[in-house]
Structures are given as C-alpha cells and as structure tokens.
C-alpha cells in the first residue's frame, strides 16, 4: 500500500520502507518512554478474528501480545492525560483522531480531521511539521487512486465487492475518508508530530500518543463488514501499522502499544511491548479499565479507591495497585 509511503518525506530514514526483522531484546526494566494507544473505530472481536490468522504486519505483531475482550459501554481514554500528569509530571500527551475527537480533553496536543486536513483543537502551539504533514495529505486527496487489486485472501467470491475497490477521482474527499488511505494518513500525521515533539526521547517521561482510526467503521457503513472492501481495508491497516511500528523500531524509542477496537459488539483490547512475553488472553475487560491499565504501564498507577475502572493485572511488567 502507498498510504504511509506517500508521506514518507515526513519520516527520518524513510527510504527503508520494508518492515525489518524484529529482534527481541532483553525485557526492559523501566516503563516505556512512549506509549502508542490506537483506537480502531468499528473493529469488533468477530471481525478481528476473521482475518487474524492471515495478518503479517502490525496487527499480527500487536496481536501477539496480551489480549482482553472489551465489553459494555464507556469512554475509552477519558482522563488519560490527567492520570499521566499526576503520576508522571512533565510527560507529553498527543491525540490525533481521524474519526472525530477522542475524549481526552486534557491532552496538550489535540488534532482532529475535518474538511480535508487535521485541525488543532488545543491551545498549545502547533509543531512545525504540522503544516507540511497537512500539505502531504492534501496532495494525497488531490491524487486519483486506481482500484486496489485483491490478494487471494480477499478474492471474490465468496467476498462480494461493490466494484470500485477504493478507486476514486482526485479531490474526492468523501471517498478518501471512507478508504484505508485515511488510516495511513492518520498514522503518518501522528508519527510526524510525535517526532517533531520528541515524544519518547527521555526516559524520565512517560509520553503518550493516542491515535483514532476511522476507516474500518466507514468501510463497514459503505460496503458492509463481510465485503471485499473490508478485507482490503483490514489488510491495508495491517501493512500500514507494520510500517509505523518499523519506523518506531528504527527510531530507537522504547515504546509499548495498546490497540483497542471501538464497537457496540465485543472488541479486542491488545497490549504489546517489545521484549515482554505476555499471556495470549486475559479474559473480559471494560472500556473504563483501559486508562488505569495504561497508567500502570507508564508507572503512574491510579488509586483504586477513586478510579472508576480497574487495572488489568497478569501481564509481565505491569504492577497494578492493590485493590482496596
């Protein structure tokens, strides 16, 4: 896929676009300097499991960590920035959403996609790279895209296609936002800002970038969850996320990844960190449990007596506070 590659000028060492072999270093003893939280709108457990055995990129890597199943209502990352600021003062928080604002109102940098560009919704000064990143996205929207060629895993039948397979004319913003290219652009924009802000550059901080991806929900609404377009979109997300993680590998940043599906159905909640061997499954969880668990990961555990959710224990390297 060309989505991250079209914005490769935003990244250092952009020529190395293939995901390199991943070496497993010794288990880190300290909290990660950078935690990447990815919320995938429309990703249910049923949808993830349908294609999981055939993923080979970022979804495969993150899917190899600890897994819980999100059930029930609730906000996903509400209060995350306040929790980190209380427990690890001086840390930086960045939110970039391609599918509407995420409910972390205290993040220092908040960006949401609207009218063909990412707009800042916080008061902190914009990083210098933001204008260049938005220009690259505008160029991507203005450029016509041919139909994607389906791999064998997305062959039709049995998967049915509406025929276009994400072919679009240049300047068709609606088609862009309902395509996997939107998620690639969102990942690229978020990592470009994270690099410019030097997130993860200091072990004394616990920086967090939260990324909201909306293509899965948009493709489901336009084509259906069982469509060929959904198959193409998920494999594209797998490759784009693999490119993003490979970029972080090359940067040398010590990072962890939390990936959560946002769905009215049961959804996957995945925790992954290089060098940590995690149990394959941890059972059910609630959305309100995500923030206390991330707080524990970054070394800023919440007081169980005042927290709405609970820390999900049982994963190596995560020390949950004792229950009252």
Protein backbone atom coordinates (compact mmCIF):
# COMPACT_ATOMS: atom_id res chain seq x y z
CA UNK A 1 0.00 0.00 0.00
CA UNK A 2 1.17 3.53 -0.73
CA UNK A 3 -0.53 5.29 2.15
CA UNK A 4 2.40 5.75 4.53
CA UNK A 5 4.84 5.78 1.64
CA UNK A 6 3.11 8.81 0.11
CA UNK A 7 4.00 10.69 3.29
CA UNK A 8 7.44 9.14 3.68
CA UNK A 9 9.15 12.54 3.50
CA UNK A 10 7.80 13.22 6.97
CA UNK A 11 9.86 10.44 8.49
CA UNK A 12 13.55 10.02 9.13
CA UNK A 13 15.15 7.11 7.26
CA UNK A 14 12.09 6.99 5.01
CA UNK A 15 13.91 5.01 2.34
CA UNK A 16 13.73 1.85 4.43
CA UNK A 17 10.06 1.13 3.83
CA UNK A 18 10.08 -2.63 4.32
CA UNK A 19 9.48 -3.95 7.83
CA UNK A 20 12.86 -5.25 9.06
CA UNK A 21 13.28 -8.48 11.04
CA UNK A 22 12.30 -7.83 14.65
CA UNK A 23 14.94 -8.79 17.19
CA UNK A 24 13.75 -9.48 20.72
CA UNK A 25 15.91 -7.59 23.24
CA UNK A 26 16.08 -8.35 26.97
CA UNK A 27 12.93 -7.47 28.86
CA UNK A 28 13.03 -3.74 29.74
CA UNK A 29 13.08 -2.95 33.44
CA UNK A 30 11.56 0.54 33.27
CA UNK A 31 8.22 1.84 31.96
CA UNK A 32 8.25 2.68 28.24
CA UNK A 33 9.27 6.19 27.26
CA UNK A 34 6.45 6.23 24.68
CA UNK A 35 3.08 4.51 24.74
CA UNK A 36 1.11 4.41 21.48
CA UNK A 37 -2.63 3.99 22.04
CA UNK A 38 -4.58 3.11 18.88
CA UNK A 39 -8.39 3.14 18.84
CA UNK A 40 -9.82 1.42 15.76
CA UNK A 41 -13.42 2.50 15.24
CA UNK A 42 -15.58 -0.38 14.01
CA UNK A 43 -13.15 -3.20 14.86
CA UNK A 44 -15.06 -5.94 16.68
CA UNK A 45 -13.60 -9.17 18.02
CA UNK A 46 -15.51 -11.13 15.35
CA UNK A 47 -14.02 -9.00 12.57
CA UNK A 48 -10.51 -9.15 14.00
CA UNK A 49 -10.63 -12.92 14.49
CA UNK A 50 -11.94 -13.50 10.97
CA UNK A 51 -8.67 -12.28 9.44
CA UNK A 52 -6.19 -12.56 12.33
CA UNK A 53 -4.53 -15.83 11.15
CA UNK A 54 -3.59 -14.16 7.85
CA UNK A 55 -2.24 -10.85 9.17
CA UNK A 56 1.52 -10.49 8.71
CA UNK A 57 2.22 -6.84 9.67
CA UNK A 58 1.38 -4.59 12.59
CA UNK A 59 -1.86 -6.29 13.57
CA UNK A 60 -0.02 -9.62 13.67
CA UNK A 61 2.72 -8.18 15.87
CA UNK A 62 0.44 -6.40 18.33
CA UNK A 63 -1.94 -9.36 18.28
CA UNK A 64 0.88 -11.48 19.67
CA UNK A 65 0.76 -9.63 22.99
CA UNK A 66 -1.76 -9.87 25.80
CA UNK A 67 -5.39 -9.81 24.73
CA UNK A 68 -8.57 -8.90 26.56
CA UNK A 69 -12.13 -8.57 25.25
CA UNK A 70 -13.81 -5.20 25.74
CA UNK A 71 -17.46 -5.42 26.67
CA UNK A 72 -20.09 -2.90 27.69
CA UNK A 73 -20.36 0.90 27.37
CA UNK A 74 -17.96 3.60 28.47
CA UNK A 75 -15.35 6.03 27.15
CA UNK A 76 -12.03 4.57 26.06
CA UNK A 77 -9.35 7.12 27.04
CA UNK A 78 -11.23 9.71 29.10
CA UNK A 79 -8.97 11.15 31.78
CA UNK A 80 -5.78 9.53 30.45
CA UNK A 81 -3.78 12.77 30.21
CA UNK A 82 -4.74 13.87 33.74
CA UNK A 83 -3.72 10.48 35.12
CA UNK A 84 -0.31 10.66 33.44
CA UNK A 85 0.29 14.25 34.50
CA UNK A 86 -0.49 13.35 38.13
CA UNK A 87 1.72 10.26 38.20
CA UNK A 88 4.50 11.26 35.75
CA UNK A 89 4.59 15.09 35.67
CA UNK A 90 6.37 16.61 32.70
CA UNK A 91 5.23 13.90 30.30
CA UNK A 92 3.76 14.94 26.94
CA UNK A 93 0.42 13.79 25.53
CA UNK A 94 -0.73 13.95 21.91
CA UNK A 95 -4.12 12.96 20.44
CA UNK A 96 -4.67 12.63 16.68
CA UNK A 97 -8.08 11.46 15.52
CA UNK A 98 -9.18 10.65 12.01
CA UNK A 99 -12.72 9.83 13.12
CA UNK A 100 -13.89 12.65 15.35
CA UNK A 101 -12.46 13.90 18.65
CA UNK A 102 -11.28 11.39 21.24
CA UNK A 103 -12.47 12.08 24.81
CA UNK A 104 -9.11 13.07 26.30
CA UNK A 105 -9.75 16.76 26.69
CA UNK A 106 -6.65 17.49 28.79
CA UNK A 107 -4.11 16.33 26.19
CA UNK A 108 -1.59 19.06 25.44
CA UNK A 109 -1.83 18.50 21.69
CA UNK A 110 -5.22 17.51 20.21
CA UNK A 111 -5.82 17.21 16.48
CA UNK A 112 -8.94 16.06 14.62
CA UNK A 113 -9.54 15.55 10.90
CA UNK A 114 -12.06 17.96 9.36
CA UNK A 115 -12.60 19.29 5.84
CA UNK A 116 -9.59 17.53 4.38
CA UNK A 117 -6.98 18.43 6.99
CA UNK A 118 -6.08 17.91 10.63
CA UNK A 119 -7.16 20.86 12.76
CA UNK A 120 -5.69 21.65 16.18
CA UNK A 121 -8.30 21.72 18.96
CA UNK A 122 -5.92 22.54 21.84
CA UNK A 123 -4.20 25.77 22.81
CA UNK A 124 -0.57 24.55 22.68
CA UNK A 125 1.45 25.86 19.71
CA UNK A 126 1.37 23.63 16.63
CA UNK A 127 4.55 21.66 15.87
CA UNK A 128 6.36 22.99 12.81
CA UNK A 129 5.85 19.73 10.91
CA UNK A 130 2.03 20.02 11.06
CA UNK A 131 1.75 22.30 8.02
CA UNK A 132 3.99 20.05 5.93
CA UNK A 133 2.06 16.97 7.02
CA UNK A 134 -1.28 18.57 6.13
CA UNK A 135 0.13 19.57 2.74
CA UNK A 136 1.13 15.96 2.07
CA UNK A 137 -2.37 14.79 2.99
CA UNK A 138 -3.93 17.42 0.71
CA UNK A 139 -1.75 16.13 -2.12
CA UNK A 140 -2.86 12.57 -1.42
CA UNK A 141 -6.53 13.61 -1.52
CA UNK A 142 -6.00 15.51 -4.79
CA UNK A 143 -4.39 12.49 -6.47
CA UNK A 144 -6.66 9.96 -8.18
CA UNK A 145 -6.35 6.37 -6.98
CA UNK A 146 -6.90 3.20 -9.05
CA UNK A 147 -8.83 0.22 -7.71
CA UNK A 148 -6.93 -2.00 -5.32
CA UNK A 149 -6.04 -5.43 -6.63
CA UNK A 150 -7.40 -8.01 -4.19
CA UNK A 151 -4.95 -10.60 -2.87
CA UNK A 152 -6.02 -14.22 -2.64
CA UNK A 153 -7.29 -13.66 0.90
CA UNK A 154 -9.74 -11.06 -0.40
CA UNK A 155 -10.75 -12.85 -3.62
CA UNK A 156 -14.38 -12.71 -4.73
CA UNK A 157 -16.38 -14.90 -4.41
CA UNK A 158 -17.20 -15.53 -1.62
CA UNK A 159 -16.48 -11.92 -0.68
CA UNK A 160 -18.60 -9.53 -2.72
CA UNK A 161 -17.43 -6.15 -3.95
CA UNK A 162 -19.29 -3.05 -4.98
CA UNK A 163 -16.91 -2.88 -7.92
CA UNK A 164 -14.77 0.18 -7.15
CA UNK A 165 -12.43 -1.35 -4.55
CA UNK A 166 -11.48 2.17 -3.38
CA UNK A 167 -10.86 3.63 -6.83
CA UNK A 168 -11.54 7.36 -6.62
CA UNK A 169 -11.14 10.54 -8.59
CA UNK A 170 -8.70 13.18 -7.47
CA UNK A 171 -10.24 15.54 -4.93
CA UNK A 172 -12.99 13.13 -3.80
CA UNK A 173 -12.76 13.80 -0.06
CA UNK A 174 -15.71 11.59 0.87
CA UNK A 175 -14.15 8.61 -0.90
CA UNK A 176 -10.79 9.31 0.75
CA UNK A 177 -12.23 9.35 4.27
CA UNK A 178 -14.06 6.06 3.63
CA UNK A 179 -10.93 4.27 2.43
CA UNK A 180 -7.88 2.64 4.04
CA UNK A 181 -5.82 5.59 2.79
CA UNK A 182 -7.41 7.66 5.56
CA UNK A 183 -5.90 5.45 8.26
CA UNK A 184 -2.49 5.54 6.58
CA UNK A 185 -2.59 9.33 6.52
CA UNK A 186 -3.68 9.49 10.18
CA UNK A 187 -0.85 7.23 11.31
CA UNK A 188 1.66 9.24 9.29
CA UNK A 189 0.41 12.58 10.65
CA UNK A 190 0.52 11.33 14.26
CA UNK A 191 4.06 9.93 13.98
CA UNK A 192 5.29 13.07 12.24
CA UNK A 193 4.00 15.21 15.13
CA UNK A 194 5.35 12.76 17.72
CA UNK A 195 8.79 13.01 16.10
CA UNK A 196 8.70 16.82 15.99
CA UNK A 197 7.60 16.97 19.65
CA UNK A 198 10.38 14.50 20.55
CA UNK A 199 7.92 12.15 22.24
CA UNK A 200 9.67 9.17 23.80
CA UNK A 201 13.07 10.87 23.77
CA UNK A 202 13.50 10.99 27.56
CA UNK A 203 13.30 8.01 29.92
CA UNK A 204 12.27 10.37 32.72
CA UNK A 205 8.94 10.99 30.95
CA UNK A 206 6.02 8.74 30.05
CA UNK A 207 4.86 10.30 26.78
CA UNK A 208 1.66 9.06 25.12
CA UNK A 209 0.28 9.44 21.61
CA UNK A 210 -3.34 8.38 21.11
CA UNK A 211 -4.43 7.74 17.52
CA UNK A 212 -8.05 7.32 16.43
CA UNK A 213 -8.52 5.40 13.17
CA UNK A 214 -11.94 5.56 11.49
CA UNK A 215 -11.64 3.74 8.16
CA UNK A 216 -12.90 0.37 9.45
CA UNK A 217 -16.20 1.86 10.62
CA UNK A 218 -16.54 3.97 7.45
CA UNK A 219 -15.90 0.97 5.17
CA UNK A 220 -18.40 -1.14 7.13
CA UNK A 221 -21.04 1.58 6.73
CA UNK A 222 -20.37 1.97 3.00
CA UNK A 223 -19.79 -1.66 1.98
CA UNK A 224 -20.62 -3.99 4.88
CA UNK A 225 -18.44 -5.90 7.33
CA UNK A 226 -18.38 -9.00 5.10
CA UNK A 227 -17.39 -7.16 1.91
CA UNK A 228 -14.27 -7.46 -0.18
CA UNK A 229 -13.60 -3.80 0.61
CA UNK A 230 -13.49 -4.61 4.34
CA UNK A 231 -10.97 -7.36 3.69
CA UNK A 232 -8.82 -4.99 1.61
CA UNK A 233 -9.08 -2.29 4.26
CA UNK A 234 -8.01 -4.53 7.15
CA UNK A 235 -5.02 -5.94 5.27
CA UNK A 236 -4.07 -2.37 4.37
CA UNK A 237 -4.29 -1.39 8.06
CA UNK A 238 -2.12 -4.40 8.92
CA UNK A 239 0.58 -3.23 6.47
CA UNK A 240 0.35 0.47 7.42
CA UNK A 241 0.59 -0.32 11.11
CA UNK A 242 3.55 -2.58 10.36
CA UNK A 243 5.25 0.33 8.58
CA UNK A 244 4.52 2.60 11.55
CA UNK A 245 6.00 0.16 14.07
CA UNK A 246 9.03 -0.42 11.84
CA UNK A 247 9.59 3.36 11.85
CA UNK A 248 9.46 3.37 15.67
CA UNK A 249 11.91 0.45 15.73
CA UNK A 250 14.37 2.42 13.61
CA UNK A 251 13.99 5.49 15.82
CA UNK A 252 15.32 3.59 18.83
CA UNK A 253 12.44 4.75 21.04
CA UNK A 254 11.46 2.39 23.86
CA UNK A 255 7.73 2.01 23.21
CA UNK A 256 4.63 -0.01 24.01
CA UNK A 257 1.40 -0.34 22.01
CA UNK A 258 -2.19 -0.54 23.21
CA UNK A 259 -4.74 -1.27 20.48
CA UNK A 260 -8.46 -1.25 21.19
CA UNK A 261 -11.45 -1.85 18.98
CA UNK A 262 -14.35 0.59 19.36
CA UNK A 263 -17.59 -1.27 18.70
CA UNK A 264 -21.05 -1.92 20.07
CA UNK A 265 -20.07 -5.60 19.94
CA UNK A 266 -17.29 -7.27 21.96
CA UNK A 267 -13.99 -5.77 20.76
CA UNK A 268 -10.29 -6.69 21.08
CA UNK A 269 -8.02 -4.95 23.57
CA UNK A 270 -4.35 -5.71 22.86
CA UNK A 271 -1.24 -4.85 24.89
CA UNK A 272 2.20 -5.33 23.31
CA UNK A 273 5.73 -4.33 24.21
CA UNK A 274 8.97 -5.49 22.64
CA UNK A 275 10.84 -7.81 24.97
CA UNK A 276 7.79 -8.75 27.03
CA UNK A 277 6.25 -12.19 26.79
CA UNK A 278 2.58 -11.87 27.65
CA UNK A 279 -0.18 -14.41 28.19
CA UNK A 280 -2.22 -14.85 25.00
CA UNK A 281 -5.53 -13.91 26.60
CA UNK A 282 -6.69 -12.22 29.74
CA UNK A 283 -10.46 -12.54 29.58
CA UNK A 284 -13.09 -9.78 29.64
CA UNK A 285 -12.49 -6.08 30.32
CA UNK A 286 -14.45 -2.84 30.35
CA UNK A 287 -13.61 0.35 28.49
CA UNK A 288 -13.13 2.15 31.83
CA UNK A 289 -10.38 -0.35 32.67
CA UNK A 290 -8.16 0.88 29.82
CA UNK A 291 -6.95 4.11 31.47
CA UNK A 292 -5.99 2.51 34.85
CA UNK A 293 -4.07 -0.19 32.98
CA UNK A 294 -2.19 2.29 30.76
CA UNK A 295 -1.43 4.36 33.87
CA UNK A 296 0.15 1.27 35.45
CA UNK A 297 2.14 0.55 32.28
CA UNK A 298 3.71 4.03 32.32
CA UNK A 299 4.40 3.99 36.05
CA UNK A 300 1.57 6.26 37.15
CA UNK A 301 -0.92 3.86 38.78
CA UNK A 302 -4.25 5.28 39.88
CA UNK A 303 -5.62 4.95 43.38
CA UNK A 304 -8.12 2.05 43.18
CA UNK A 305 -10.26 3.80 45.78
CA UNK A 306 -11.01 6.70 43.42
CA UNK A 307 -10.63 5.11 39.96
CA UNK A 308 -13.79 4.19 38.04
CA UNK A 309 -12.07 1.28 36.30
CA UNK A 310 -9.61 -1.35 37.47
CA UNK A 311 -6.08 -2.15 36.33
CA UNK A 312 -5.95 -5.36 34.28
CA UNK A 313 -3.33 -7.46 36.05
CA UNK A 314 -1.50 -10.58 34.99
CA UNK A 315 0.78 -9.14 32.30
CA UNK A 316 4.57 -9.16 32.82
CA UNK A 317 5.93 -5.72 33.63
CA UNK A 318 2.60 -4.27 34.78
CA UNK A 319 2.26 -3.68 38.51
CA UNK A 320 -1.34 -2.88 39.41
CA UNK A 321 -2.00 -1.09 42.72
CA UNK A 322 -3.59 -3.28 45.38
CA UNK A 323 -7.35 -3.28 45.48
CA UNK A 324 -8.92 -1.52 48.45
